[in-house]
mmCIF file of all heavy atoms, coordinates in Angstrom:
data_MODEL
# 
_entry.id   MODEL 
# 
loop_
_atom_site.group_PDB 
_atom_site.id 
_atom_site.type_symbol 
_atom_site.label_atom_id 
_atom_site.label_alt_id 
_atom_site.label_comp_id 
_atom_site.label_asym_id 
_atom_site.label_entity_id 
_atom_site.label_seq_id 
_atom_site.pdbx_PDB_ins_code 
_atom_site.Cartn_x 
_atom_site.Cartn_y 
_atom_site.Cartn_z 
_atom_site.occupancy 
_atom_site.B_iso_or_equiv 
_atom_site.pdbx_formal_charge 
_atom_site.auth_seq_id 
_atom_site.auth_comp_id 
_atom_site.auth_asym_id 
_atom_site.auth_atom_id 
_atom_site.pdbx_PDB_model_num 
ATOM 1   N N   . ASN A 1 1  ? 76.883 97.330  103.275 1.00 0.00 ? 1  ASN A N   1 
ATOM 2   C CA  . ASN A 1 1  ? 77.226 98.755  103.242 1.00 0.00 ? 1  ASN A CA  1 
ATOM 3   C C   . ASN A 1 1  ? 77.014 99.432  104.590 1.00 0.00 ? 1  ASN A C   1 
ATOM 4   O O   . ASN A 1 1  ? 77.717 100.380 104.938 1.00 0.00 ? 1  ASN A O   1 
ATOM 5   C CB  . ASN A 1 1  ? 76.419 99.452  102.147 1.00 0.00 ? 1  ASN A CB  1 
ATOM 6   C CG  . ASN A 1 1  ? 76.952 99.143  100.763 1.00 0.00 ? 1  ASN A CG  1 
ATOM 7   O OD1 . ASN A 1 1  ? 78.141 98.897  100.579 1.00 0.00 ? 1  ASN A OD1 1 
ATOM 8   N ND2 . ASN A 1 1  ? 76.079 99.139  99.765  1.00 0.00 ? 1  ASN A ND2 1 
ATOM 9   N N   . ARG A 1 2  ? 76.056 98.928  105.367 1.00 0.00 ? 2  ARG A N   1 
ATOM 10  C CA  . ARG A 1 2  ? 75.842 99.469  106.706 1.00 0.00 ? 2  ARG A CA  1 
ATOM 11  C C   . ARG A 1 2  ? 76.942 98.982  107.654 1.00 0.00 ? 2  ARG A C   1 
ATOM 12  O O   . ARG A 1 2  ? 77.523 99.769  108.420 1.00 0.00 ? 2  ARG A O   1 
ATOM 13  C CB  . ARG A 1 2  ? 74.471 99.037  107.228 1.00 0.00 ? 2  ARG A CB  1 
ATOM 14  C CG  . ARG A 1 2  ? 74.161 99.546  108.644 1.00 0.00 ? 2  ARG A CG  1 
ATOM 15  C CD  . ARG A 1 2  ? 72.790 99.100  109.102 1.00 0.00 ? 2  ARG A CD  1 
ATOM 16  N NE  . ARG A 1 2  ? 72.665 97.661  109.141 1.00 0.00 ? 2  ARG A NE  1 
ATOM 17  C CZ  . ARG A 1 2  ? 73.121 96.884  110.138 1.00 0.00 ? 2  ARG A CZ  1 
ATOM 18  N NH1 . ARG A 1 2  ? 73.766 97.432  111.164 1.00 0.00 ? 2  ARG A NH1 1 
ATOM 19  N NH2 . ARG A 1 2  ? 72.948 95.580  110.106 1.00 0.00 ? 2  ARG A NH2 1 
ATOM 20  N N   . LEU A 1 3  ? 77.257 97.699  107.581 1.00 0.00 ? 3  LEU A N   1 
ATOM 21  C CA  . LEU A 1 3  ? 78.222 97.115  108.508 1.00 0.00 ? 3  LEU A CA  1 
ATOM 22  C C   . LEU A 1 3  ? 79.649 97.609  108.280 1.00 0.00 ? 3  LEU A C   1 
ATOM 23  O O   . LEU A 1 3  ? 80.414 97.762  109.229 1.00 0.00 ? 3  LEU A O   1 
ATOM 24  C CB  . LEU A 1 3  ? 78.187 95.584  108.393 1.00 0.00 ? 3  LEU A CB  1 
ATOM 25  C CG  . LEU A 1 3  ? 77.118 94.878  109.217 1.00 0.00 ? 3  LEU A CG  1 
ATOM 26  C CD1 . LEU A 1 3  ? 77.034 93.417  108.827 1.00 0.00 ? 3  LEU A CD1 1 
ATOM 27  C CD2 . LEU A 1 3  ? 77.433 95.009  110.706 1.00 0.00 ? 3  LEU A CD2 1 
ATOM 28  N N   . LYS A 1 4  ? 80.014 97.858  107.027 1.00 0.00 ? 4  LYS A N   1 
ATOM 29  C CA  . LYS A 1 4  ? 81.391 98.292  106.793 1.00 0.00 ? 4  LYS A CA  1 
ATOM 30  C C   . LYS A 1 4  ? 81.649 99.660  107.428 1.00 0.00 ? 4  LYS A C   1 
ATOM 31  O O   . LYS A 1 4  ? 82.763 99.946  107.877 1.00 0.00 ? 4  LYS A O   1 
ATOM 32  C CB  . LYS A 1 4  ? 81.726 98.299  105.296 1.00 0.00 ? 4  LYS A CB  1 
ATOM 33  C CG  . LYS A 1 4  ? 81.043 99.349  104.478 1.00 0.00 ? 4  LYS A CG  1 
ATOM 34  C CD  . LYS A 1 4  ? 81.387 99.203  103.002 1.00 0.00 ? 4  LYS A CD  1 
ATOM 35  C CE  . LYS A 1 4  ? 80.723 100.285 102.164 1.00 0.00 ? 4  LYS A CE  1 
ATOM 36  N NZ  . LYS A 1 4  ? 80.983 100.132 100.714 1.00 0.00 ? 4  LYS A NZ  1 
ATOM 37  N N   . LYS A 1 5  ? 80.609 100.489 107.512 1.00 0.00 ? 5  LYS A N   1 
ATOM 38  C CA  . LYS A 1 5  ? 80.750 101.774 108.195 1.00 0.00 ? 5  LYS A CA  1 
ATOM 39  C C   . LYS A 1 5  ? 80.861 101.565 109.705 1.00 0.00 ? 5  LYS A C   1 
ATOM 40  O O   . LYS A 1 5  ? 81.670 102.199 110.377 1.00 0.00 ? 5  LYS A O   1 
ATOM 41  C CB  . LYS A 1 5  ? 79.558 102.678 107.868 1.00 0.00 ? 5  LYS A CB  1 
ATOM 42  C CG  . LYS A 1 5  ? 79.485 103.092 106.401 1.00 0.00 ? 5  LYS A CG  1 
ATOM 43  C CD  . LYS A 1 5  ? 78.259 103.939 106.129 1.00 0.00 ? 5  LYS A CD  1 
ATOM 44  C CE  . LYS A 1 5  ? 78.166 104.306 104.649 1.00 0.00 ? 5  LYS A CE  1 
ATOM 45  N NZ  . LYS A 1 5  ? 76.929 105.088 104.355 1.00 0.00 ? 5  LYS A NZ  1 
ATOM 46  N N   . GLU A 1 6  ? 80.048 100.647 110.207 1.00 0.00 ? 6  GLU A N   1 
ATOM 47  C CA  . GLU A 1 6  ? 80.074 100.356 111.642 1.00 0.00 ? 6  GLU A CA  1 
ATOM 48  C C   . GLU A 1 6  ? 81.428 99.774  112.060 1.00 0.00 ? 6  GLU A C   1 
ATOM 49  O O   . GLU A 1 6  ? 81.932 100.070 113.147 1.00 0.00 ? 6  GLU A O   1 
ATOM 50  C CB  . GLU A 1 6  ? 78.951 99.367  111.967 1.00 0.00 ? 6  GLU A CB  1 
ATOM 51  C CG  . GLU A 1 6  ? 78.826 99.032  113.435 1.00 0.00 ? 6  GLU A CG  1 
ATOM 52  C CD  . GLU A 1 6  ? 77.635 98.113  113.712 1.00 0.00 ? 6  GLU A CD  1 
ATOM 53  O OE1 . GLU A 1 6  ? 76.686 98.101  112.901 1.00 0.00 ? 6  GLU A OE1 1 
ATOM 54  O OE2 . GLU A 1 6  ? 77.675 97.417  114.742 1.00 0.00 ? 6  GLU A OE2 1 
ATOM 55  N N   . ARG A 1 7  ? 82.018 98.976  111.191 1.00 0.00 ? 7  ARG A N   1 
ATOM 56  C CA  . ARG A 1 7  ? 83.303 98.334  111.493 1.00 0.00 ? 7  ARG A CA  1 
ATOM 57  C C   . ARG A 1 7  ? 84.510 99.222  111.149 1.00 0.00 ? 7  ARG A C   1 
ATOM 58  O O   . ARG A 1 7  ? 85.635 98.856  111.437 1.00 0.00 ? 7  ARG A O   1 
ATOM 59  C CB  . ARG A 1 7  ? 83.425 97.038  110.680 1.00 0.00 ? 7  ARG A CB  1 
ATOM 60  C CG  . ARG A 1 7  ? 82.542 95.894  111.127 1.00 0.00 ? 7  ARG A CG  1 
ATOM 61  C CD  . ARG A 1 7  ? 82.995 95.317  112.436 1.00 0.00 ? 7  ARG A CD  1 
ATOM 62  N NE  . ARG A 1 7  ? 82.508 93.955  112.633 1.00 0.00 ? 7  ARG A NE  1 
ATOM 63  C CZ  . ARG A 1 7  ? 82.625 93.276  113.760 1.00 0.00 ? 7  ARG A CZ  1 
ATOM 64  N NH1 . ARG A 1 7  ? 83.203 93.842  114.816 1.00 0.00 ? 7  ARG A NH1 1 
ATOM 65  N NH2 . ARG A 1 7  ? 82.165 92.050  113.867 1.00 0.00 ? 7  ARG A NH2 1 
ATOM 66  N N   . ASN A 1 8  ? 84.273 100.360 110.499 1.00 0.00 ? 8  ASN A N   1 
ATOM 67  C CA  . ASN A 1 8  ? 85.373 101.175 109.970 1.00 0.00 ? 8  ASN A CA  1 
ATOM 68  C C   . ASN A 1 8  ? 86.230 100.319 109.044 1.00 0.00 ? 8  ASN A C   1 
ATOM 69  O O   . ASN A 1 8  ? 87.454 100.215 109.173 1.00 0.00 ? 8  ASN A O   1 
ATOM 70  C CB  . ASN A 1 8  ? 86.236 101.768 111.085 1.00 0.00 ? 8  ASN A CB  1 
ATOM 71  C CG  . ASN A 1 8  ? 87.237 102.797 110.554 1.00 0.00 ? 8  ASN A CG  1 
ATOM 72  O OD1 . ASN A 1 8  ? 87.063 103.349 109.467 1.00 0.00 ? 8  ASN A OD1 1 
ATOM 73  N ND2 . ASN A 1 8  ? 88.292 103.053 111.322 1.00 0.00 ? 8  ASN A ND2 1 
ATOM 74  N N   . ALA A 1 9  ? 85.537 99.677  108.084 1.00 0.00 ? 9  ALA A N   1 
ATOM 75  C CA  . ALA A 1 9  ? 86.179 98.769  107.146 1.00 0.00 ? 9  ALA A CA  1 
ATOM 76  C C   . ALA A 1 9  ? 86.106 99.328  105.734 1.00 0.00 ? 9  ALA A C   1 
ATOM 77  O O   . ALA A 1 9  ? 85.183 100.074 105.388 1.00 0.00 ? 9  ALA A O   1 
ATOM 78  C CB  . ALA A 1 9  ? 85.513 97.398  107.196 1.00 0.00 ? 9  ALA A CB  1 
ATOM 79  N N   . VAL A 1 10 ? 87.070 98.948  104.909 1.00 0.00 ? 10 VAL A N   1 
ATOM 80  C CA  . VAL A 1 10 ? 87.077 99.304  103.495 1.00 0.00 ? 10 VAL A CA  1 
ATOM 81  C C   . VAL A 1 10 ? 87.071 98.001  102.699 1.00 0.00 ? 10 VAL A C   1 
ATOM 82  O O   . VAL A 1 10 ? 87.759 97.044  103.058 1.00 0.00 ? 10 VAL A O   1 
ATOM 83  C CB  . VAL A 1 10 ? 88.297 100.179 103.143 1.00 0.00 ? 10 VAL A CB  1 
ATOM 84  C CG1 . VAL A 1 10 ? 89.601 99.459  103.402 1.00 0.00 ? 10 VAL A CG1 1 
ATOM 85  C CG2 . VAL A 1 10 ? 88.229 100.642 101.693 1.00 0.00 ? 10 VAL A CG2 1 
ATOM 86  N N   . ILE A 1 11 ? 86.251 97.954  101.653 1.00 0.00 ? 11 ILE A N   1 
ATOM 87  C CA  . ILE A 1 11 ? 86.136 96.755  100.829 1.00 0.00 ? 11 ILE A CA  1 
ATOM 88  C C   . ILE A 1 11 ? 86.877 96.966  99.519  1.00 0.00 ? 11 ILE A C   1 
ATOM 89  O O   . ILE A 1 11 ? 86.597 97.904  98.780  1.00 0.00 ? 11 ILE A O   1 
ATOM 90  C CB  . ILE A 1 11 ? 84.661 96.397  100.570 1.00 0.00 ? 11 ILE A CB  1 
ATOM 91  C CG1 . ILE A 1 11 ? 83.974 96.031  101.896 1.00 0.00 ? 11 ILE A CG1 1 
ATOM 92  C CG2 . ILE A 1 11 ? 84.554 95.241  99.573  1.00 0.00 ? 11 ILE A CG2 1 
ATOM 93  C CD1 . ILE A 1 11 ? 82.511 95.669  101.754 1.00 0.00 ? 11 ILE A CD1 1 
ATOM 94  N N   . LEU A 1 12 ? 87.850 96.070  99.271  1.00 0.00 ? 12 LEU A N   1 
ATOM 95  C CA  . LEU A 1 12 ? 88.629 96.104  98.042  1.00 0.00 ? 12 LEU A CA  1 
ATOM 96  C C   . LEU A 1 12 ? 88.100 95.033  97.094  1.00 0.00 ? 12 LEU A C   1 
ATOM 97  O O   . LEU A 1 12 ? 87.942 93.875  97.508  1.00 0.00 ? 12 LEU A O   1 
ATOM 98  C CB  . LEU A 1 12 ? 90.106 95.821  98.327  1.00 0.00 ? 12 LEU A CB  1 
ATOM 99  C CG  . LEU A 1 12 ? 90.998 96.953  98.823  1.00 0.00 ? 12 LEU A CG  1 
ATOM 100 C CD1 . LEU A 1 12 ? 90.437 97.624  100.064 1.00 0.00 ? 12 LEU A CD1 1 
ATOM 101 C CD2 . LEU A 1 12 ? 92.401 96.421  99.090  1.00 0.00 ? 12 LEU A CD2 1 
ATOM 102 N N   . ALA A 1 13 ? 87.836 95.388  95.845  1.00 0.00 ? 13 ALA A N   1 
ATOM 103 C CA  . ALA A 1 13 ? 87.343 94.408  94.876  1.00 0.00 ? 13 ALA A CA  1 
ATOM 104 C C   . ALA A 1 13 ? 88.223 94.418  93.635  1.00 0.00 ? 13 ALA A C   1 
ATOM 105 O O   . ALA A 1 13 ? 88.395 95.458  92.990  1.00 0.00 ? 13 ALA A O   1 
ATOM 106 C CB  . ALA A 1 13 ? 85.894 94.693  94.498  1.00 0.00 ? 13 ALA A CB  1 
ATOM 107 N N   . HIS A 1 14 ? 88.758 93.270  93.310  1.00 0.00 ? 14 HIS A N   1 
ATOM 108 C CA  . HIS A 1 14 ? 89.555 93.145  92.089  1.00 0.00 ? 14 HIS A CA  1 
ATOM 109 C C   . HIS A 1 14 ? 88.654 93.251  90.855  1.00 0.00 ? 14 HIS A C   1 
ATOM 110 O O   . HIS A 1 14 ? 87.437 93.022  90.933  1.00 0.00 ? 14 HIS A O   1 
ATOM 111 C CB  . HIS A 1 14 ? 90.287 91.791  92.087  1.00 0.00 ? 14 HIS A CB  1 
ATOM 112 C CG  . HIS A 1 14 ? 91.282 91.653  90.988  1.00 0.00 ? 14 HIS A CG  1 
ATOM 113 N ND1 . HIS A 1 14 ? 90.966 91.074  89.773  1.00 0.00 ? 14 HIS A ND1 1 
ATOM 114 C CD2 . HIS A 1 14 ? 92.589 92.029  90.893  1.00 0.00 ? 14 HIS A CD2 1 
ATOM 115 C CE1 . HIS A 1 14 ? 92.030 91.100  88.992  1.00 0.00 ? 14 HIS A CE1 1 
ATOM 116 N NE2 . HIS A 1 14 ? 93.028 91.671  89.637  1.00 0.00 ? 14 HIS A NE2 1 
ATOM 117 N N   . ASN A 1 15 ? 89.263 93.593  89.737  1.00 0.00 ? 15 ASN A N   1 
ATOM 118 C CA  . ASN A 1 15 ? 88.516 93.757  88.488  1.00 0.00 ? 15 ASN A CA  1 
ATOM 119 C C   . ASN A 1 15 ? 87.766 92.496  88.053  1.00 0.00 ? 15 ASN A C   1 
ATOM 120 O O   . ASN A 1 15 ? 86.850 92.576  87.242  1.00 0.00 ? 15 ASN A O   1 
ATOM 121 C CB  . ASN A 1 15 ? 89.471 94.168  87.358  1.00 0.00 ? 15 ASN A CB  1 
ATOM 122 C CG  . ASN A 1 15 ? 90.029 95.568  87.555  1.00 0.00 ? 15 ASN A CG  1 
ATOM 123 O OD1 . ASN A 1 15 ? 89.330 96.469  87.988  1.00 0.00 ? 15 ASN A OD1 1 
ATOM 124 N ND2 . ASN A 1 15 ? 91.308 95.742  87.243  1.00 0.00 ? 15 ASN A ND2 1 
ATOM 125 N N   . TYR A 1 16 ? 88.144 91.333  88.603  1.00 0.00 ? 16 TYR A N   1 
ATOM 126 C CA  . TYR A 1 16 ? 87.494 90.078  88.225  1.00 0.00 ? 16 TYR A CA  1 
ATOM 127 C C   . TYR A 1 16 ? 86.312 89.712  89.120  1.00 0.00 ? 16 TYR A C   1 
ATOM 128 O O   . TYR A 1 16 ? 85.703 88.658  88.936  1.00 0.00 ? 16 TYR A O   1 
ATOM 129 C CB  . TYR A 1 16 ? 88.507 88.925  88.259  1.00 0.00 ? 16 TYR A CB  1 
ATOM 130 C CG  . TYR A 1 16 ? 89.642 89.038  87.275  1.00 0.00 ? 16 TYR A CG  1 
ATOM 131 C CD1 . TYR A 1 16 ? 90.809 88.292  87.451  1.00 0.00 ? 16 TYR A CD1 1 
ATOM 132 C CD2 . TYR A 1 16 ? 89.565 89.873  86.158  1.00 0.00 ? 16 TYR A CD2 1 
ATOM 133 C CE1 . TYR A 1 16 ? 91.864 88.381  86.550  1.00 0.00 ? 16 TYR A CE1 1 
ATOM 134 C CE2 . TYR A 1 16 ? 90.616 89.974  85.266  1.00 0.00 ? 16 TYR A CE2 1 
ATOM 135 C CZ  . TYR A 1 16 ? 91.764 89.223  85.462  1.00 0.00 ? 16 TYR A CZ  1 
ATOM 136 O OH  . TYR A 1 16 ? 92.808 89.314  84.574  1.00 0.00 ? 16 TYR A OH  1 
ATOM 137 N N   . GLN A 1 17 ? 85.986 90.538  90.087  1.00 0.00 ? 17 GLN A N   1 
ATOM 138 C CA  . GLN A 1 17 ? 84.836 90.248  90.933  1.00 0.00 ? 17 GLN A CA  1 
ATOM 139 C C   . GLN A 1 17 ? 83.539 90.488  90.154  1.00 0.00 ? 17 GLN A C   1 
ATOM 140 O O   . GLN A 1 17 ? 83.498 91.265  89.189  1.00 0.00 ? 17 GLN A O   1 
ATOM 141 C CB  . GLN A 1 17 ? 84.860 91.114  92.181  1.00 0.00 ? 17 GLN A CB  1 
ATOM 142 C CG  . GLN A 1 17 ? 85.943 90.744  93.172  1.00 0.00 ? 17 GLN A CG  1 
ATOM 143 C CD  . GLN A 1 17 ? 85.775 89.346  93.740  1.00 0.00 ? 17 GLN A CD  1 
ATOM 144 O OE1 . GLN A 1 17 ? 84.787 89.036  94.389  1.00 0.00 ? 17 GLN A OE1 1 
ATOM 145 N NE2 . GLN A 1 17 ? 86.754 88.472  93.489  1.00 0.00 ? 17 GLN A NE2 1 
ATOM 146 N N   . THR A 1 18 ? 82.473 89.836  90.578  1.00 0.00 ? 18 THR A N   1 
ATOM 147 C CA  . THR A 1 18 ? 81.186 89.957  89.890  1.00 0.00 ? 18 THR A CA  1 
ATOM 148 C C   . THR A 1 18 ? 80.608 91.363  90.079  1.00 0.00 ? 18 THR A C   1 
ATOM 149 O O   . THR A 1 18 ? 80.932 92.055  91.045  1.00 0.00 ? 18 THR A O   1 
ATOM 150 C CB  . THR A 1 18 ? 80.196 88.911  90.425  1.00 0.00 ? 18 THR A CB  1 
ATOM 151 O OG1 . THR A 1 18 ? 80.171 88.989  91.860  1.00 0.00 ? 18 THR A OG1 1 
ATOM 152 C CG2 . THR A 1 18 ? 80.605 87.506  90.004  1.00 0.00 ? 18 THR A CG2 1 
ATOM 153 N N   . PRO A 1 19 ? 79.743 91.807  89.139  1.00 0.00 ? 19 PRO A N   1 
ATOM 154 C CA  . PRO A 1 19 ? 79.220 93.182  89.196  1.00 0.00 ? 19 PRO A CA  1 
ATOM 155 C C   . PRO A 1 19 ? 78.535 93.549  90.507  1.00 0.00 ? 19 PRO A C   1 
ATOM 156 O O   . PRO A 1 19 ? 78.603 94.705  90.938  1.00 0.00 ? 19 PRO A O   1 
ATOM 157 C CB  . PRO A 1 19 ? 78.240 93.226  88.019  1.00 0.00 ? 19 PRO A CB  1 
ATOM 158 C CG  . PRO A 1 19 ? 78.794 92.246  87.034  1.00 0.00 ? 19 PRO A CG  1 
ATOM 159 C CD  . PRO A 1 19 ? 79.334 91.123  87.886  1.00 0.00 ? 19 PRO A CD  1 
ATOM 160 N N   . ASP A 1 20 ? 77.849 92.594  91.161  1.00 0.00 ? 20 ASP A N   1 
ATOM 161 C CA  . ASP A 1 20 ? 77.170 92.927  92.418  1.00 0.00 ? 20 ASP A CA  1 
ATOM 162 C C   . ASP A 1 20 ? 78.160 93.347  93.495  1.00 0.00 ? 20 ASP A C   1 
ATOM 163 O O   . ASP A 1 20 ? 77.881 94.245  94.299  1.00 0.00 ? 20 ASP A O   1 
ATOM 164 C CB  . ASP A 1 20 ? 76.320 91.734  92.907  1.00 0.00 ? 20 ASP A CB  1 
ATOM 165 C CG  . ASP A 1 20 ? 77.121 90.455  93.005  1.00 0.00 ? 20 ASP A CG  1 
ATOM 166 O OD1 . ASP A 1 20 ? 77.674 90.049  91.981  1.00 0.00 ? 20 ASP A OD1 1 
ATOM 167 O OD2 . ASP A 1 20 ? 77.193 89.851  94.095  1.00 0.00 ? 20 ASP A OD2 1 
ATOM 168 N N   . ILE A 1 21 ? 79.346 92.730  93.507  1.00 0.00 ? 21 ILE A N   1 
ATOM 169 C CA  . ILE A 1 21 ? 80.395 93.109  94.452  1.00 0.00 ? 21 ILE A CA  1 
ATOM 170 C C   . ILE A 1 21 ? 81.117 94.359  93.971  1.00 0.00 ? 21 ILE A C   1 
ATOM 171 O O   . ILE A 1 21 ? 81.297 95.321  94.718  1.00 0.00 ? 21 ILE A O   1 
ATOM 172 C CB  . ILE A 1 21 ? 81.390 91.945  94.640  1.00 0.00 ? 21 ILE A CB  1 
ATOM 173 C CG1 . ILE A 1 21 ? 80.695 90.745  95.294  1.00 0.00 ? 21 ILE A CG1 1 
ATOM 174 C CG2 . ILE A 1 21 ? 82.593 92.384  95.479  1.00 0.00 ? 21 ILE A CG2 1 
ATOM 175 C CD1 . ILE A 1 21 ? 81.541 89.484  95.348  1.00 0.00 ? 21 ILE A CD1 1 
ATOM 176 N N   . PHE A 1 22 ? 81.508 94.350  92.705  1.00 0.00 ? 22 PHE A N   1 
ATOM 177 C CA  . PHE A 1 22 ? 82.312 95.421  92.126  1.00 0.00 ? 22 PHE A CA  1 
ATOM 178 C C   . PHE A 1 22 ? 81.605 96.772  92.190  1.00 0.00 ? 22 PHE A C   1 
ATOM 179 O O   . PHE A 1 22 ? 82.201 97.788  92.558  1.00 0.00 ? 22 PHE A O   1 
ATOM 180 C CB  . PHE A 1 22 ? 82.637 95.061  90.671  1.00 0.00 ? 22 PHE A CB  1 
ATOM 181 C CG  . PHE A 1 22 ? 83.663 95.939  90.006  1.00 0.00 ? 22 PHE A CG  1 
ATOM 182 C CD1 . PHE A 1 22 ? 85.007 95.624  90.069  1.00 0.00 ? 22 PHE A CD1 1 
ATOM 183 C CD2 . PHE A 1 22 ? 83.285 97.064  89.296  1.00 0.00 ? 22 PHE A CD2 1 
ATOM 184 C CE1 . PHE A 1 22 ? 85.965 96.421  89.451  1.00 0.00 ? 22 PHE A CE1 1 
ATOM 185 C CE2 . PHE A 1 22 ? 84.227 97.868  88.670  1.00 0.00 ? 22 PHE A CE2 1 
ATOM 186 C CZ  . PHE A 1 22 ? 85.571 97.547  88.744  1.00 0.00 ? 22 PHE A CZ  1 
ATOM 187 N N   . HIS A 1 23 ? 80.316 96.802  91.861  1.00 0.00 ? 23 HIS A N   1 
ATOM 188 C CA  . HIS A 1 23 ? 79.597 98.074  91.755  1.00 0.00 ? 23 HIS A CA  1 
ATOM 189 C C   . HIS A 1 23 ? 78.738 98.413  92.972  1.00 0.00 ? 23 HIS A C   1 
ATOM 190 O O   . HIS A 1 23 ? 78.361 99.575  93.146  1.00 0.00 ? 23 HIS A O   1 
ATOM 191 C CB  . HIS A 1 23 ? 78.697 98.072  90.511  1.00 0.00 ? 23 HIS A CB  1 
ATOM 192 C CG  . HIS A 1 23 ? 79.457 98.136  89.222  1.00 0.00 ? 23 HIS A CG  1 
ATOM 193 N ND1 . HIS A 1 23 ? 80.159 99.250  88.826  1.00 0.00 ? 23 HIS A ND1 1 
ATOM 194 C CD2 . HIS A 1 23 ? 79.625 97.216  88.241  1.00 0.00 ? 23 HIS A CD2 1 
ATOM 195 C CE1 . HIS A 1 23 ? 80.725 99.021  87.658  1.00 0.00 ? 23 HIS A CE1 1 
ATOM 196 N NE2 . HIS A 1 23 ? 80.433 97.794  87.278  1.00 0.00 ? 23 HIS A NE2 1 
ATOM 197 N N   . CYS A 1 24 ? 78.418 97.420  93.793  1.00 0.00 ? 24 CYS A N   1 
ATOM 198 C CA  . CYS A 1 24 ? 77.424 97.669  94.847  1.00 0.00 ? 24 CYS A CA  1 
ATOM 199 C C   . CYS A 1 24 ? 77.979 97.735  96.268  1.00 0.00 ? 24 CYS A C   1 
ATOM 200 O O   . CYS A 1 24 ? 77.335 98.344  97.135  1.00 0.00 ? 24 CYS A O   1 
ATOM 201 C CB  . CYS A 1 24 ? 76.322 96.604  94.780  1.00 0.00 ? 24 CYS A CB  1 
ATOM 202 S SG  . CYS A 1 24 ? 75.386 96.620  93.230  1.00 0.00 ? 24 CYS A SG  1 
ATOM 203 N N   . VAL A 1 25 ? 79.127 97.110  96.543  1.00 0.00 ? 25 VAL A N   1 
ATOM 204 C CA  . VAL A 1 25 ? 79.648 97.156  97.918  1.00 0.00 ? 25 VAL A CA  1 
ATOM 205 C C   . VAL A 1 25 ? 81.106 97.588  97.993  1.00 0.00 ? 25 VAL A C   1 
ATOM 206 O O   . VAL A 1 25 ? 81.582 97.960  99.071  1.00 0.00 ? 25 VAL A O   1 
ATOM 207 C CB  . VAL A 1 25 ? 79.483 95.792  98.642  1.00 0.00 ? 25 VAL A CB  1 
ATOM 208 C CG1 . VAL A 1 25 ? 78.014 95.395  98.723  1.00 0.00 ? 25 VAL A CG1 1 
ATOM 209 C CG2 . VAL A 1 25 ? 80.315 94.703  97.977  1.00 0.00 ? 25 VAL A CG2 1 
ATOM 210 N N   . ALA A 1 26 ? 81.841 97.552  96.884  1.00 0.00 ? 26 ALA A N   1 
ATOM 211 C CA  . ALA A 1 26 ? 83.269 97.875  96.917  1.00 0.00 ? 26 ALA A CA  1 
ATOM 212 C C   . ALA A 1 26 ? 83.504 99.367  97.108  1.00 0.00 ? 26 ALA A C   1 
ATOM 213 O O   . ALA A 1 26 ? 82.776 100.202 96.570  1.00 0.00 ? 26 ALA A O   1 
ATOM 214 C CB  . ALA A 1 26 ? 83.940 97.404  95.640  1.00 0.00 ? 26 ALA A CB  1 
# 
């Protein structure tokens, strides 16, 4: 979450991703 701001990046997560990805970094 810190690095995506530094990189000016957006994280896309499909509905089939695990909850840690889906709810915590996407």
